[in-house]
Amino acid sequence: SGDEVKAFYVYAAGVIANSGNYKGFGDTKIIPDIDPNRLEQLLSL
């Protein structure tokens, strides 16, 4: 779905903007809003 692909790009932008997978303001972890198996399948494309 379009939302699944968008979830990947939102996560990617979050990691790049925060220089890592924890928020620069708040220090809480960021995880992708897409199932791990689905993300792996998406990356394999």
ModelCIF file with pLDDT and N, C-alpha, C, O atoms, coordinates in Angstrom:
data_MODEL
#
_entry.id   MODEL 
#
_entity.id                         1 
_entity.type                       polymer 
_entity.pdbx_number_of_molecules   1 
#
_entity_poly.entity_id                      1 
_entity_poly.type                           'polypeptide(L)' 
_entity_poly.nstd_linkage                   no 
_entity_poly.nstd_monomer                   no 
_entity_poly.pdbx_seq_one_letter_code       SGDEVKAFYVYAAGVIANSGNYKGFGDTKIIPDIDPNRLEQLLSL 
_entity_poly.pdbx_seq_one_letter_code_can   SGDEVKAFYVYAAGVIANSGNYKGFGDTKIIPDIDPNRLEQLLSL 
_entity_poly.pdbx_strand_id                 A 
#
loop_
_entity_poly_seq.entity_id 
_entity_poly_seq.num 
_entity_poly_seq.mon_id 
_entity_poly_seq.hetero 
1 1  SER n 
1 2  GLY n 
1 3  ASP n 
1 4  GLU n 
1 5  VAL n 
1 6  LYS n 
1 7  ALA n 
1 8  PHE n 
1 9  TYR n 
1 10 VAL n 
1 11 TYR n 
1 12 ALA n 
1 13 ALA n 
1 14 GLY n 
1 15 VAL n 
1 16 ILE n 
1 17 ALA n 
1 18 ASN n 
1 19 SER n 
1 20 GLY n 
1 21 ASN n 
1 22 TYR n 
1 23 LYS n 
1 24 GLY n 
1 25 PHE n 
1 26 GLY n 
1 27 ASP n 
1 28 THR n 
1 29 LYS n 
1 30 ILE n 
1 31 ILE n 
1 32 PRO n 
1 33 ASP n 
1 34 ILE n 
1 35 ASP n 
1 36 PRO n 
1 37 ASN n 
1 38 ARG n 
1 39 LEU n 
1 40 GLU n 
1 41 GLN n 
1 42 LEU n 
1 43 LEU n 
1 44 SER n 
1 45 LEU n 
#
_struct_asym.id          A 
_struct_asym.entity_id   1 
#
loop_
_ma_qa_metric.id 
_ma_qa_metric.mode 
_ma_qa_metric.name 
_ma_qa_metric.software_group_id 
_ma_qa_metric.type 
1 global pLDDT . pLDDT 
2 local  pLDDT . pLDDT 
#
_ma_qa_metric_global.metric_id      1 
_ma_qa_metric_global.metric_value   95.80 
_ma_qa_metric_global.model_id       1 
_ma_qa_metric_global.ordinal_id     1 
#
loop_
_ma_qa_metric_local.label_asym_id 
_ma_qa_metric_local.label_comp_id 
_ma_qa_metric_local.label_seq_id 
_ma_qa_metric_local.metric_id 
_ma_qa_metric_local.metric_value 
_ma_qa_metric_local.model_id 
_ma_qa_metric_local.ordinal_id 
A SER 1  2 96.00 1 1  
A GLY 2  2 95.00 1 2  
A ASP 3  2 96.00 1 3  
A GLU 4  2 96.00 1 4  
A VAL 5  2 96.00 1 5  
A LYS 6  2 96.00 1 6  
A ALA 7  2 97.00 1 7  
A PHE 8  2 97.00 1 8  
A TYR 9  2 96.00 1 9  
A VAL 10 2 96.00 1 10 
A TYR 11 2 98.00 1 11 
A ALA 12 2 97.00 1 12 
A ALA 13 2 96.00 1 13 
A GLY 14 2 96.00 1 14 
A VAL 15 2 97.00 1 15 
A ILE 16 2 96.00 1 16 
A ALA 17 2 94.00 1 17 
A ASN 18 2 95.00 1 18 
A SER 19 2 96.00 1 19 
A GLY 20 2 97.00 1 20 
A ASN 21 2 98.00 1 21 
A TYR 22 2 97.00 1 22 
A LYS 23 2 94.00 1 23 
A GLY 24 2 92.00 1 24 
A PHE 25 2 84.00 1 25 
A GLY 26 2 85.00 1 26 
A ASP 27 2 92.00 1 27 
A THR 28 2 93.00 1 28 
A LYS 29 2 96.00 1 29 
A ILE 30 2 97.00 1 30 
A ILE 31 2 98.00 1 31 
A PRO 32 2 98.00 1 32 
A ASP 33 2 96.00 1 33 
A ILE 34 2 97.00 1 34 
A ASP 35 2 96.00 1 35 
A PRO 36 2 97.00 1 36 
A ASN 37 2 97.00 1 37 
A ARG 38 2 97.00 1 38 
A LEU 39 2 98.00 1 39 
A GLU 40 2 98.00 1 40 
A GLN 41 2 98.00 1 41 
A LEU 42 2 98.00 1 42 
A LEU 43 2 98.00 1 43 
A SER 44 2 97.00 1 44 
A LEU 45 2 97.00 1 45 
#
loop_
_atom_site.group_PDB 
_atom_site.id 
_atom_site.type_symbol 
_atom_site.label_atom_id 
_atom_site.label_alt_id 
_atom_site.label_comp_id 
_atom_site.label_asym_id 
_atom_site.label_entity_id 
_atom_site.label_seq_id 
_atom_site.pdbx_PDB_ins_code 
_atom_site.Cartn_x 
_atom_site.Cartn_y 
_atom_site.Cartn_z 
_atom_site.occupancy 
_atom_site.B_iso_or_equiv 
_atom_site.pdbx_formal_charge 
_atom_site.auth_seq_id 
_atom_site.auth_comp_id 
_atom_site.auth_asym_id 
_atom_site.auth_atom_id 
_atom_site.pdbx_PDB_model_num 
ATOM 1   N N  . SER A 1 1  ? 0.845  -1.193 0.000  1.00 96.00 ? 1  SER A N  1 
ATOM 2   C CA . SER A 1 1  ? 0.000  0.000  0.000  1.00 96.00 ? 1  SER A CA 1 
ATOM 3   C C  . SER A 1 1  ? 0.881  1.244  0.000  1.00 96.00 ? 1  SER A C  1 
ATOM 4   O O  . SER A 1 1  ? 2.059  1.196  0.355  1.00 96.00 ? 1  SER A O  1 
ATOM 5   N N  . GLY A 1 2  ? 0.282  2.351  -0.406 1.00 95.00 ? 2  GLY A N  1 
ATOM 6   C CA . GLY A 1 2  ? 1.028  3.608  -0.384 1.00 95.00 ? 2  GLY A CA 1 
ATOM 7   C C  . GLY A 1 2  ? 1.470  3.981  1.012  1.00 95.00 ? 2  GLY A C  1 
ATOM 8   O O  . GLY A 1 2  ? 2.558  4.527  1.197  1.00 95.00 ? 2  GLY A O  1 
ATOM 9   N N  . ASP A 1 3  ? 0.618  3.686  2.020  1.00 96.00 ? 3  ASP A N  1 
ATOM 10  C CA . ASP A 1 3  ? 0.967  4.014  3.401  1.00 96.00 ? 3  ASP A CA 1 
ATOM 11  C C  . ASP A 1 3  ? 2.157  3.191  3.895  1.00 96.00 ? 3  ASP A C  1 
ATOM 12  O O  . ASP A 1 3  ? 2.959  3.692  4.683  1.00 96.00 ? 3  ASP A O  1 
ATOM 13  N N  . GLU A 1 4  ? 2.285  1.950  3.453  1.00 96.00 ? 4  GLU A N  1 
ATOM 14  C CA . GLU A 1 4  ? 3.423  1.130  3.871  1.00 96.00 ? 4  GLU A CA 1 
ATOM 15  C C  . GLU A 1 4  ? 4.731  1.726  3.358  1.00 96.00 ? 4  GLU A C  1 
ATOM 16  O O  . GLU A 1 4  ? 5.717  1.804  4.090  1.00 96.00 ? 4  GLU A O  1 
ATOM 17  N N  . VAL A 1 5  ? 4.730  2.140  2.108  1.00 96.00 ? 5  VAL A N  1 
ATOM 18  C CA . VAL A 1 5  ? 5.948  2.740  1.545  1.00 96.00 ? 5  VAL A CA 1 
ATOM 19  C C  . VAL A 1 5  ? 6.229  4.079  2.217  1.00 96.00 ? 5  VAL A C  1 
ATOM 20  O O  . VAL A 1 5  ? 7.376  4.409  2.517  1.00 96.00 ? 5  VAL A O  1 
ATOM 21  N N  . LYS A 1 6  ? 5.171  4.841  2.446  1.00 96.00 ? 6  LYS A N  1 
ATOM 22  C CA . LYS A 1 6  ? 5.341  6.137  3.113  1.00 96.00 ? 6  LYS A CA 1 
ATOM 23  C C  . LYS A 1 6  ? 5.895  5.948  4.517  1.00 96.00 ? 6  LYS A C  1 
ATOM 24  O O  . LYS A 1 6  ? 6.719  6.743  4.969  1.00 96.00 ? 6  LYS A O  1 
ATOM 25  N N  . ALA A 1 7  ? 5.448  4.894  5.219  1.00 97.00 ? 7  ALA A N  1 
ATOM 26  C CA . ALA A 1 7  ? 5.939  4.633  6.572  1.00 97.00 ? 7  ALA A CA 1 
ATOM 27  C C  . ALA A 1 7  ? 7.449  4.419  6.564  1.00 97.00 ? 7  ALA A C  1 
ATOM 28  O O  . ALA A 1 7  ? 8.147  4.858  7.478  1.00 97.00 ? 7  ALA A O  1 
ATOM 29  N N  . PHE A 1 8  ? 7.952  3.741  5.529  1.00 97.00 ? 8  PHE A N  1 
ATOM 30  C CA . PHE A 1 8  ? 9.406  3.542  5.426  1.00 97.00 ? 8  PHE A CA 1 
ATOM 31  C C  . PHE A 1 8  ? 10.121 4.874  5.252  1.00 97.00 ? 8  PHE A C  1 
ATOM 32  O O  . PHE A 1 8  ? 11.120 5.135  5.921  1.00 97.00 ? 8  PHE A O  1 
ATOM 33  N N  . TYR A 1 9  ? 9.611  5.721  4.352  1.00 96.00 ? 9  TYR A N  1 
ATOM 34  C CA . TYR A 1 9  ? 10.300 6.990  4.098  1.00 96.00 ? 9  TYR A CA 1 
ATOM 35  C C  . TYR A 1 9  ? 10.201 7.943  5.288  1.00 96.00 ? 9  TYR A C  1 
ATOM 36  O O  . TYR A 1 9  ? 11.138 8.695  5.555  1.00 96.00 ? 9  TYR A O  1 
ATOM 37  N N  . VAL A 1 10 ? 9.079  7.921  6.002  1.00 96.00 ? 10 VAL A N  1 
ATOM 38  C CA . VAL A 1 10 ? 8.963  8.732  7.215  1.00 96.00 ? 10 VAL A CA 1 
ATOM 39  C C  . VAL A 1 10 ? 9.975  8.264  8.256  1.00 96.00 ? 10 VAL A C  1 
ATOM 40  O O  . VAL A 1 10 ? 10.617 9.081  8.916  1.00 96.00 ? 10 VAL A O  1 
ATOM 41  N N  . TYR A 1 11 ? 10.116 6.937  8.401  1.00 98.00 ? 11 TYR A N  1 
ATOM 42  C CA . TYR A 1 11 ? 11.101 6.398  9.351  1.00 98.00 ? 11 TYR A CA 1 
ATOM 43  C C  . TYR A 1 11 ? 12.511 6.789  8.931  1.00 98.00 ? 11 TYR A C  1 
ATOM 44  O O  . TYR A 1 11 ? 13.312 7.212  9.765  1.00 98.00 ? 11 TYR A O  1 
ATOM 45  N N  . ALA A 1 12 ? 12.819 6.652  7.648  1.00 97.00 ? 12 ALA A N  1 
ATOM 46  C CA . ALA A 1 12 ? 14.150 7.009  7.160  1.00 97.00 ? 12 ALA A CA 1 
ATOM 47  C C  . ALA A 1 12 ? 14.460 8.473  7.446  1.00 97.00 ? 12 ALA A C  1 
ATOM 48  O O  . ALA A 1 12 ? 15.553 8.812  7.900  1.00 97.00 ? 12 ALA A O  1 
ATOM 49  N N  . ALA A 1 13 ? 13.470 9.346  7.172  1.00 96.00 ? 13 ALA A N  1 
ATOM 50  C CA . ALA A 1 13 ? 13.671 10.772 7.441  1.00 96.00 ? 13 ALA A CA 1 
ATOM 51  C C  . ALA A 1 13 ? 13.878 11.025 8.926  1.00 96.00 ? 13 ALA A C  1 
ATOM 52  O O  . ALA A 1 13 ? 14.692 11.865 9.309  1.00 96.00 ? 13 ALA A O  1 
ATOM 53  N N  . GLY A 1 14 ? 13.132 10.292 9.774  1.00 96.00 ? 14 GLY A N  1 
ATOM 54  C CA . GLY A 1 14 ? 13.280 10.456 11.219 1.00 96.00 ? 14 GLY A CA 1 
ATOM 55  C C  . GLY A 1 14 ? 14.663 10.063 11.699 1.00 96.00 ? 14 GLY A C  1 
ATOM 56  O O  . GLY A 1 14 ? 15.247 10.757 12.532 1.00 96.00 ? 14 GLY A O  1 
ATOM 57  N N  . VAL A 1 15 ? 15.196 8.965  11.190 1.00 97.00 ? 15 VAL A N  1 
ATOM 58  C CA . VAL A 1 15 ? 16.534 8.513  11.586 1.00 97.00 ? 15 VAL A CA 1 
ATOM 59  C C  . VAL A 1 15 ? 17.588 9.520  11.145 1.00 97.00 ? 15 VAL A C  1 
ATOM 60  O O  . VAL A 1 15 ? 18.502 9.843  11.904 1.00 97.00 ? 15 VAL A O  1 
ATOM 61  N N  . ILE A 1 16 ? 17.460 10.013 9.922  1.00 96.00 ? 16 ILE A N  1 
ATOM 62  C CA . ILE A 1 16 ? 18.449 10.968 9.409  1.00 96.00 ? 16 ILE A CA 1 
ATOM 63  C C  . ILE A 1 16 ? 18.362 12.293 10.159 1.00 96.00 ? 16 ILE A C  1 
ATOM 64  O O  . ILE A 1 16 ? 19.385 12.875 10.519 1.00 96.00 ? 16 ILE A O  1 
ATOM 65  N N  . ALA A 1 17 ? 17.131 12.772 10.397 1.00 94.00 ? 17 ALA A N  1 
ATOM 66  C CA . ALA A 1 17 ? 16.961 14.054 11.087 1.00 94.00 ? 17 ALA A CA 1 
ATOM 67  C C  . ALA A 1 17 ? 17.455 14.007 12.525 1.00 94.00 ? 17 ALA A C  1 
ATOM 68  O O  . ALA A 1 17 ? 17.945 15.010 13.045 1.00 94.00 ? 17 ALA A O  1 
ATOM 69  N N  . ASN A 1 18 ? 17.330 12.845 13.176 1.00 95.00 ? 18 ASN A N  1 
ATOM 70  C CA . ASN A 1 18 ? 17.732 12.715 14.580 1.00 95.00 ? 18 ASN A CA 1 
ATOM 71  C C  . ASN A 1 18 ? 19.115 12.106 14.750 1.00 95.00 ? 18 ASN A C  1 
ATOM 72  O O  . ASN A 1 18 ? 19.549 11.846 15.872 1.00 95.00 ? 18 ASN A O  1 
ATOM 73  N N  . SER A 1 19 ? 19.808 11.878 13.638 1.00 96.00 ? 19 SER A N  1 
ATOM 74  C CA . SER A 1 19 ? 21.142 11.257 13.666 1.00 96.00 ? 19 SER A CA 1 
ATOM 75  C C  . SER A 1 19 ? 21.123 9.945  14.454 1.00 96.00 ? 19 SER A C  1 
ATOM 76  O O  . SER A 1 19 ? 21.990 9.697  15.292 1.00 96.00 ? 19 SER A O  1 
ATOM 77  N N  . GLY A 1 20 ? 20.127 9.116  14.172 1.00 97.00 ? 20 GLY A N  1 
ATOM 78  C CA . GLY A 1 20 ? 20.020 7.830  14.842 1.00 97.00 ? 20 GLY A CA 1 
ATOM 79  C C  . GLY A 1 20 ? 18.577 7.461  15.082 1.00 97.00 ? 20 GLY A C  1 
ATOM 80  O O  . GLY A 1 20 ? 17.663 8.216  14.750 1.00 97.00 ? 20 GLY A O  1 
ATOM 81  N N  . ASN A 1 21 ? 18.379 6.281  15.667 1.00 98.00 ? 21 ASN A N  1 
ATOM 82  C CA . ASN A 1 21 ? 17.009 5.794  15.857 1.00 98.00 ? 21 ASN A CA 1 
ATOM 83  C C  . ASN A 1 21 ? 16.455 6.102  17.246 1.00 98.00 ? 21 ASN A C  1 
ATOM 84  O O  . ASN A 1 21 ? 15.575 5.396  17.740 1.00 98.00 ? 21 ASN A O  1 
ATOM 85  N N  . TYR A 1 22 ? 16.973 7.157  17.872 1.00 97.00 ? 22 TYR A N  1 
ATOM 86  C CA . TYR A 1 22 ? 16.406 7.716  19.101 1.00 97.00 ? 22 TYR A CA 1 
ATOM 87  C C  . TYR A 1 22 ? 16.213 9.209  18.876 1.00 97.00 ? 22 TYR A C  1 
ATOM 88  O O  . TYR A 1 22 ? 17.070 9.866  18.284 1.00 97.00 ? 22 TYR A O  1 
ATOM 89  N N  . LYS A 1 23 ? 15.094 9.744  19.344 1.00 94.00 ? 23 LYS A N  1 
ATOM 90  C CA . LYS A 1 23 ? 14.787 11.143 19.092 1.00 94.00 ? 23 LYS A CA 1 
ATOM 91  C C  . LYS A 1 23 ? 15.832 12.059 19.722 1.00 94.00 ? 23 LYS A C  1 
ATOM 92  O O  . LYS A 1 23 ? 16.250 11.861 20.863 1.00 94.00 ? 23 LYS A O  1 
ATOM 93  N N  . GLY A 1 24 ? 16.242 13.060 18.959 1.00 92.00 ? 24 GLY A N  1 
ATOM 94  C CA . GLY A 1 24 ? 17.170 14.041 19.501 1.00 92.00 ? 24 GLY A CA 1 
ATOM 95  C C  . GLY A 1 24 ? 16.547 14.872 20.594 1.00 92.00 ? 24 GLY A C  1 
ATOM 96  O O  . GLY A 1 24 ? 17.252 15.340 21.488 1.00 92.00 ? 24 GLY A O  1 
ATOM 97  N N  . PHE A 1 25 ? 15.251 15.068 20.547 1.00 84.00 ? 25 PHE A N  1 
ATOM 98  C CA . PHE A 1 25 ? 14.510 15.795 21.591 1.00 84.00 ? 25 PHE A CA 1 
ATOM 99  C C  . PHE A 1 25 ? 13.580 14.799 22.262 1.00 84.00 ? 25 PHE A C  1 
ATOM 100 O O  . PHE A 1 25 ? 12.494 14.516 21.756 1.00 84.00 ? 25 PHE A O  1 
ATOM 101 N N  . GLY A 1 26 ? 14.002 14.270 23.393 1.00 85.00 ? 26 GLY A N  1 
ATOM 102 C CA . GLY A 1 26 ? 13.196 13.303 24.125 1.00 85.00 ? 26 GLY A CA 1 
ATOM 103 C C  . GLY A 1 26 ? 13.856 11.964 24.329 1.00 85.00 ? 26 GLY A C  1 
ATOM 104 O O  . GLY A 1 26 ? 13.515 11.243 25.266 1.00 85.00 ? 26 GLY A O  1 
ATOM 105 N N  . ASP A 1 27 ? 14.812 11.610 23.454 1.00 92.00 ? 27 ASP A N  1 
ATOM 106 C CA . ASP A 1 27 ? 15.632 10.404 23.634 1.00 92.00 ? 27 ASP A CA 1 
ATOM 107 C C  . ASP A 1 27 ? 14.855 9.096  23.574 1.00 92.00 ? 27 ASP A C  1 
ATOM 108 O O  . ASP A 1 27 ? 15.383 8.066  23.993 1.00 92.00 ? 27 ASP A O  1 
ATOM 109 N N  . THR A 1 28 ? 13.611 9.092  23.066 1.00 93.00 ? 28 THR A N  1 
ATOM 110 C CA . THR A 1 28 ? 12.871 7.848  22.951 1.00 93.00 ? 28 THR A CA 1 
ATOM 111 C C  . THR A 1 28 ? 13.142 7.201  21.600 1.00 93.00 ? 28 THR A C  1 
ATOM 112 O O  . THR A 1 28 ? 13.461 7.880  20.624 1.00 93.00 ? 28 THR A O  1 
ATOM 113 N N  . LYS A 1 29 ? 13.013 5.896  21.560 1.00 96.00 ? 29 LYS A N  1 
ATOM 114 C CA . LYS A 1 29 ? 13.351 5.141  20.359 1.00 96.00 ? 29 LYS A CA 1 
ATOM 115 C C  . LYS A 1 29 ? 12.298 5.347  19.271 1.00 96.00 ? 29 LYS A C  1 
ATOM 116 O O  . LYS A 1 29 ? 11.110 5.500  19.555 1.00 96.00 ? 29 LYS A O  1 
ATOM 117 N N  . ILE A 1 30 ? 12.764 5.348  18.015 1.00 97.00 ? 30 ILE A N  1 
ATOM 118 C CA . ILE A 1 30 ? 11.896 5.419  16.850 1.00 97.00 ? 30 ILE A CA 1 
ATOM 119 C C  . ILE A 1 30 ? 11.928 4.059  16.162 1.00 97.00 ? 30 ILE A C  1 
ATOM 120 O O  . ILE A 1 30 ? 13.007 3.530  15.894 1.00 97.00 ? 30 ILE A O  1 
ATOM 121 N N  . ILE A 1 31 ? 10.766 3.488  15.874 1.00 98.00 ? 31 ILE A N  1 
ATOM 122 C CA . ILE A 1 31 ? 10.708 2.250  15.110 1.00 98.00 ? 31 ILE A CA 1 
ATOM 123 C C  . ILE A 1 31 ? 9.835  2.466  13.878 1.00 98.00 ? 31 ILE A C  1 
ATOM 124 O O  . ILE A 1 31 ? 8.997  3.367  13.867 1.00 98.00 ? 31 ILE A O  1 
ATOM 125 N N  . PRO A 1 32 ? 10.020 1.653  12.845 1.00 98.00 ? 32 PRO A N  1 
ATOM 126 C CA . PRO A 1 32 ? 9.209  1.818  11.630 1.00 98.00 ? 32 PRO A CA 1 
ATOM 127 C C  . PRO A 1 32 ? 7.748  1.453  11.888 1.00 98.00 ? 32 PRO A C  1 
ATOM 128 O O  . PRO A 1 32 ? 7.453  0.530  12.647 1.00 98.00 ? 32 PRO A O  1 
ATOM 129 N N  . ASP A 1 33 ? 6.845  2.183  11.253 1.00 96.00 ? 33 ASP A N  1 
ATOM 130 C CA . ASP A 1 33 ? 5.414  1.906  11.366 1.00 96.00 ? 33 ASP A CA 1 
ATOM 131 C C  . ASP A 1 33 ? 4.989  0.938  10.250 1.00 96.00 ? 33 ASP A C  1 
ATOM 132 O O  . ASP A 1 33 ? 4.022  1.176  9.527  1.00 96.00 ? 33 ASP A O  1 
ATOM 133 N N  . ILE A 1 34 ? 5.739  -0.149 10.141 1.00 97.00 ? 34 ILE A N  1 
ATOM 134 C CA . ILE A 1 34 ? 5.470  -1.179 9.152  1.00 97.00 ? 34 ILE A CA 1 
ATOM 135 C C  . ILE A 1 34 ? 6.021  -2.490 9.704  1.00 97.00 ? 34 ILE A C  1 
ATOM 136 O O  . ILE A 1 34 ? 7.100  -2.505 10.296 1.00 97.00 ? 34 ILE A O  1 
ATOM 137 N N  . ASP A 1 35 ? 5.302  -3.575 9.519  1.00 96.00 ? 35 ASP A N  1 
ATOM 138 C CA . ASP A 1 35 ? 5.699  -4.874 10.059 1.00 96.00 ? 35 ASP A CA 1 
ATOM 139 C C  . ASP A 1 35 ? 7.111  -5.249 9.595  1.00 96.00 ? 35 ASP A C  1 
ATOM 140 O O  . ASP A 1 35 ? 7.464  -4.985 8.446  1.00 96.00 ? 35 ASP A O  1 
ATOM 141 N N  . PRO A 1 36 ? 7.931  -5.864 10.473 1.00 97.00 ? 36 PRO A N  1 
ATOM 142 C CA . PRO A 1 36 ? 9.316  -6.205 10.100 1.00 97.00 ? 36 PRO A CA 1 
ATOM 143 C C  . PRO A 1 36 ? 9.418  -7.038 8.825  1.00 97.00 ? 36 PRO A C  1 
ATOM 144 O O  . PRO A 1 36 ? 10.266 -6.769 7.974  1.00 97.00 ? 36 PRO A O  1 
ATOM 145 N N  . ASN A 1 37 ? 8.558  -8.048 8.689  1.00 97.00 ? 37 ASN A N  1 
ATOM 146 C CA . ASN A 1 37 ? 8.631  -8.883 7.492  1.00 97.00 ? 37 ASN A CA 1 
ATOM 147 C C  . ASN A 1 37 ? 8.267  -8.086 6.239  1.00 97.00 ? 37 ASN A C  1 
ATOM 148 O O  . ASN A 1 37 ? 8.862  -8.275 5.178  1.00 97.00 ? 37 ASN A O  1 
ATOM 149 N N  . ARG A 1 38 ? 7.301  -7.208 6.372  1.00 97.00 ? 38 ARG A N  1 
ATOM 150 C CA . ARG A 1 38 ? 6.911  -6.375 5.228  1.00 97.00 ? 38 ARG A CA 1 
ATOM 151 C C  . ARG A 1 38 ? 8.022  -5.395 4.858  1.00 97.00 ? 38 ARG A C  1 
ATOM 152 O O  . ARG A 1 38 ? 8.264  -5.136 3.679  1.00 97.00 ? 38 ARG A O  1 
ATOM 153 N N  . LEU A 1 39 ? 8.694  -4.854 5.873  1.00 98.00 ? 39 LEU A N  1 
ATOM 154 C CA . LEU A 1 39 ? 9.793  -3.942 5.579  1.00 98.00 ? 39 LEU A CA 1 
ATOM 155 C C  . LEU A 1 39 ? 10.923 -4.681 4.864  1.00 98.00 ? 39 LEU A C  1 
ATOM 156 O O  . LEU A 1 39 ? 11.520 -4.150 3.927  1.00 98.00 ? 39 LEU A O  1 
ATOM 157 N N  . GLU A 1 40 ? 11.212 -5.897 5.303  1.00 98.00 ? 40 GLU A N  1 
ATOM 158 C CA . GLU A 1 40 ? 12.255 -6.682 4.631  1.00 98.00 ? 40 GLU A CA 1 
ATOM 159 C C  . GLU A 1 40 ? 11.881 -6.938 3.174  1.00 98.00 ? 40 GLU A C  1 
ATOM 160 O O  . GLU A 1 40 ? 12.723 -6.819 2.284  1.00 98.00 ? 40 GLU A O  1 
ATOM 161 N N  . GLN A 1 41 ? 10.615 -7.290 2.931  1.00 98.00 ? 41 GLN A N  1 
ATOM 162 C CA . GLN A 1 41 ? 10.160 -7.516 1.554  1.00 98.00 ? 41 GLN A CA 1 
ATOM 163 C C  . GLN A 1 41 ? 10.264 -6.235 0.723  1.00 98.00 ? 41 GLN A C  1 
ATOM 164 O O  . GLN A 1 41 ? 10.628 -6.274 -0.452 1.00 98.00 ? 41 GLN A O  1 
ATOM 165 N N  . LEU A 1 42 ? 9.939  -5.101 1.348  1.00 98.00 ? 42 LEU A N  1 
ATOM 166 C CA . LEU A 1 42 ? 10.032 -3.822 0.644  1.00 98.00 ? 42 LEU A CA 1 
ATOM 167 C C  . LEU A 1 42 ? 11.476 -3.503 0.284  1.00 98.00 ? 42 LEU A C  1 
ATOM 168 O O  . LEU A 1 42 ? 11.769 -3.105 -0.843 1.00 98.00 ? 42 LEU A O  1 
ATOM 169 N N  . LEU A 1 43 ? 12.372 -3.679 1.241  1.00 98.00 ? 43 LEU A N  1 
ATOM 170 C CA . LEU A 1 43 ? 13.791 -3.403 0.987  1.00 98.00 ? 43 LEU A CA 1 
ATOM 171 C C  . LEU A 1 43 ? 14.350 -4.315 -0.087 1.00 98.00 ? 43 LEU A C  1 
ATOM 172 O O  . LEU A 1 43 ? 15.219 -3.910 -0.859 1.00 98.00 ? 43 LEU A O  1 
ATOM 173 N N  . SER A 1 44 ? 13.851 -5.555 -0.142 1.00 97.00 ? 44 SER A N  1 
ATOM 174 C CA . SER A 1 44 ? 14.356 -6.506 -1.148 1.00 97.00 ? 44 SER A CA 1 
ATOM 175 C C  . SER A 1 44 ? 14.009 -6.086 -2.565 1.00 97.00 ? 44 SER A C  1 
ATOM 176 O O  . SER A 1 44 ? 14.609 -6.575 -3.522 1.00 97.00 ? 44 SER A O  1 
ATOM 177 N N  . LEU A 1 45 ? 13.023 -5.164 -2.711 1.00 97.00 ? 45 LEU A N  1 
ATOM 178 C CA . LEU A 1 45 ? 12.659 -4.650 -4.030 1.00 97.00 ? 45 LEU A CA 1 
ATOM 179 C C  . LEU A 1 45 ? 13.603 -3.540 -4.487 1.00 97.00 ? 45 LEU A C  1 
ATOM 180 O O  . LEU A 1 45 ? 13.436 -2.998 -5.579 1.00 97.00 ? 45 LEU A O  1 
#
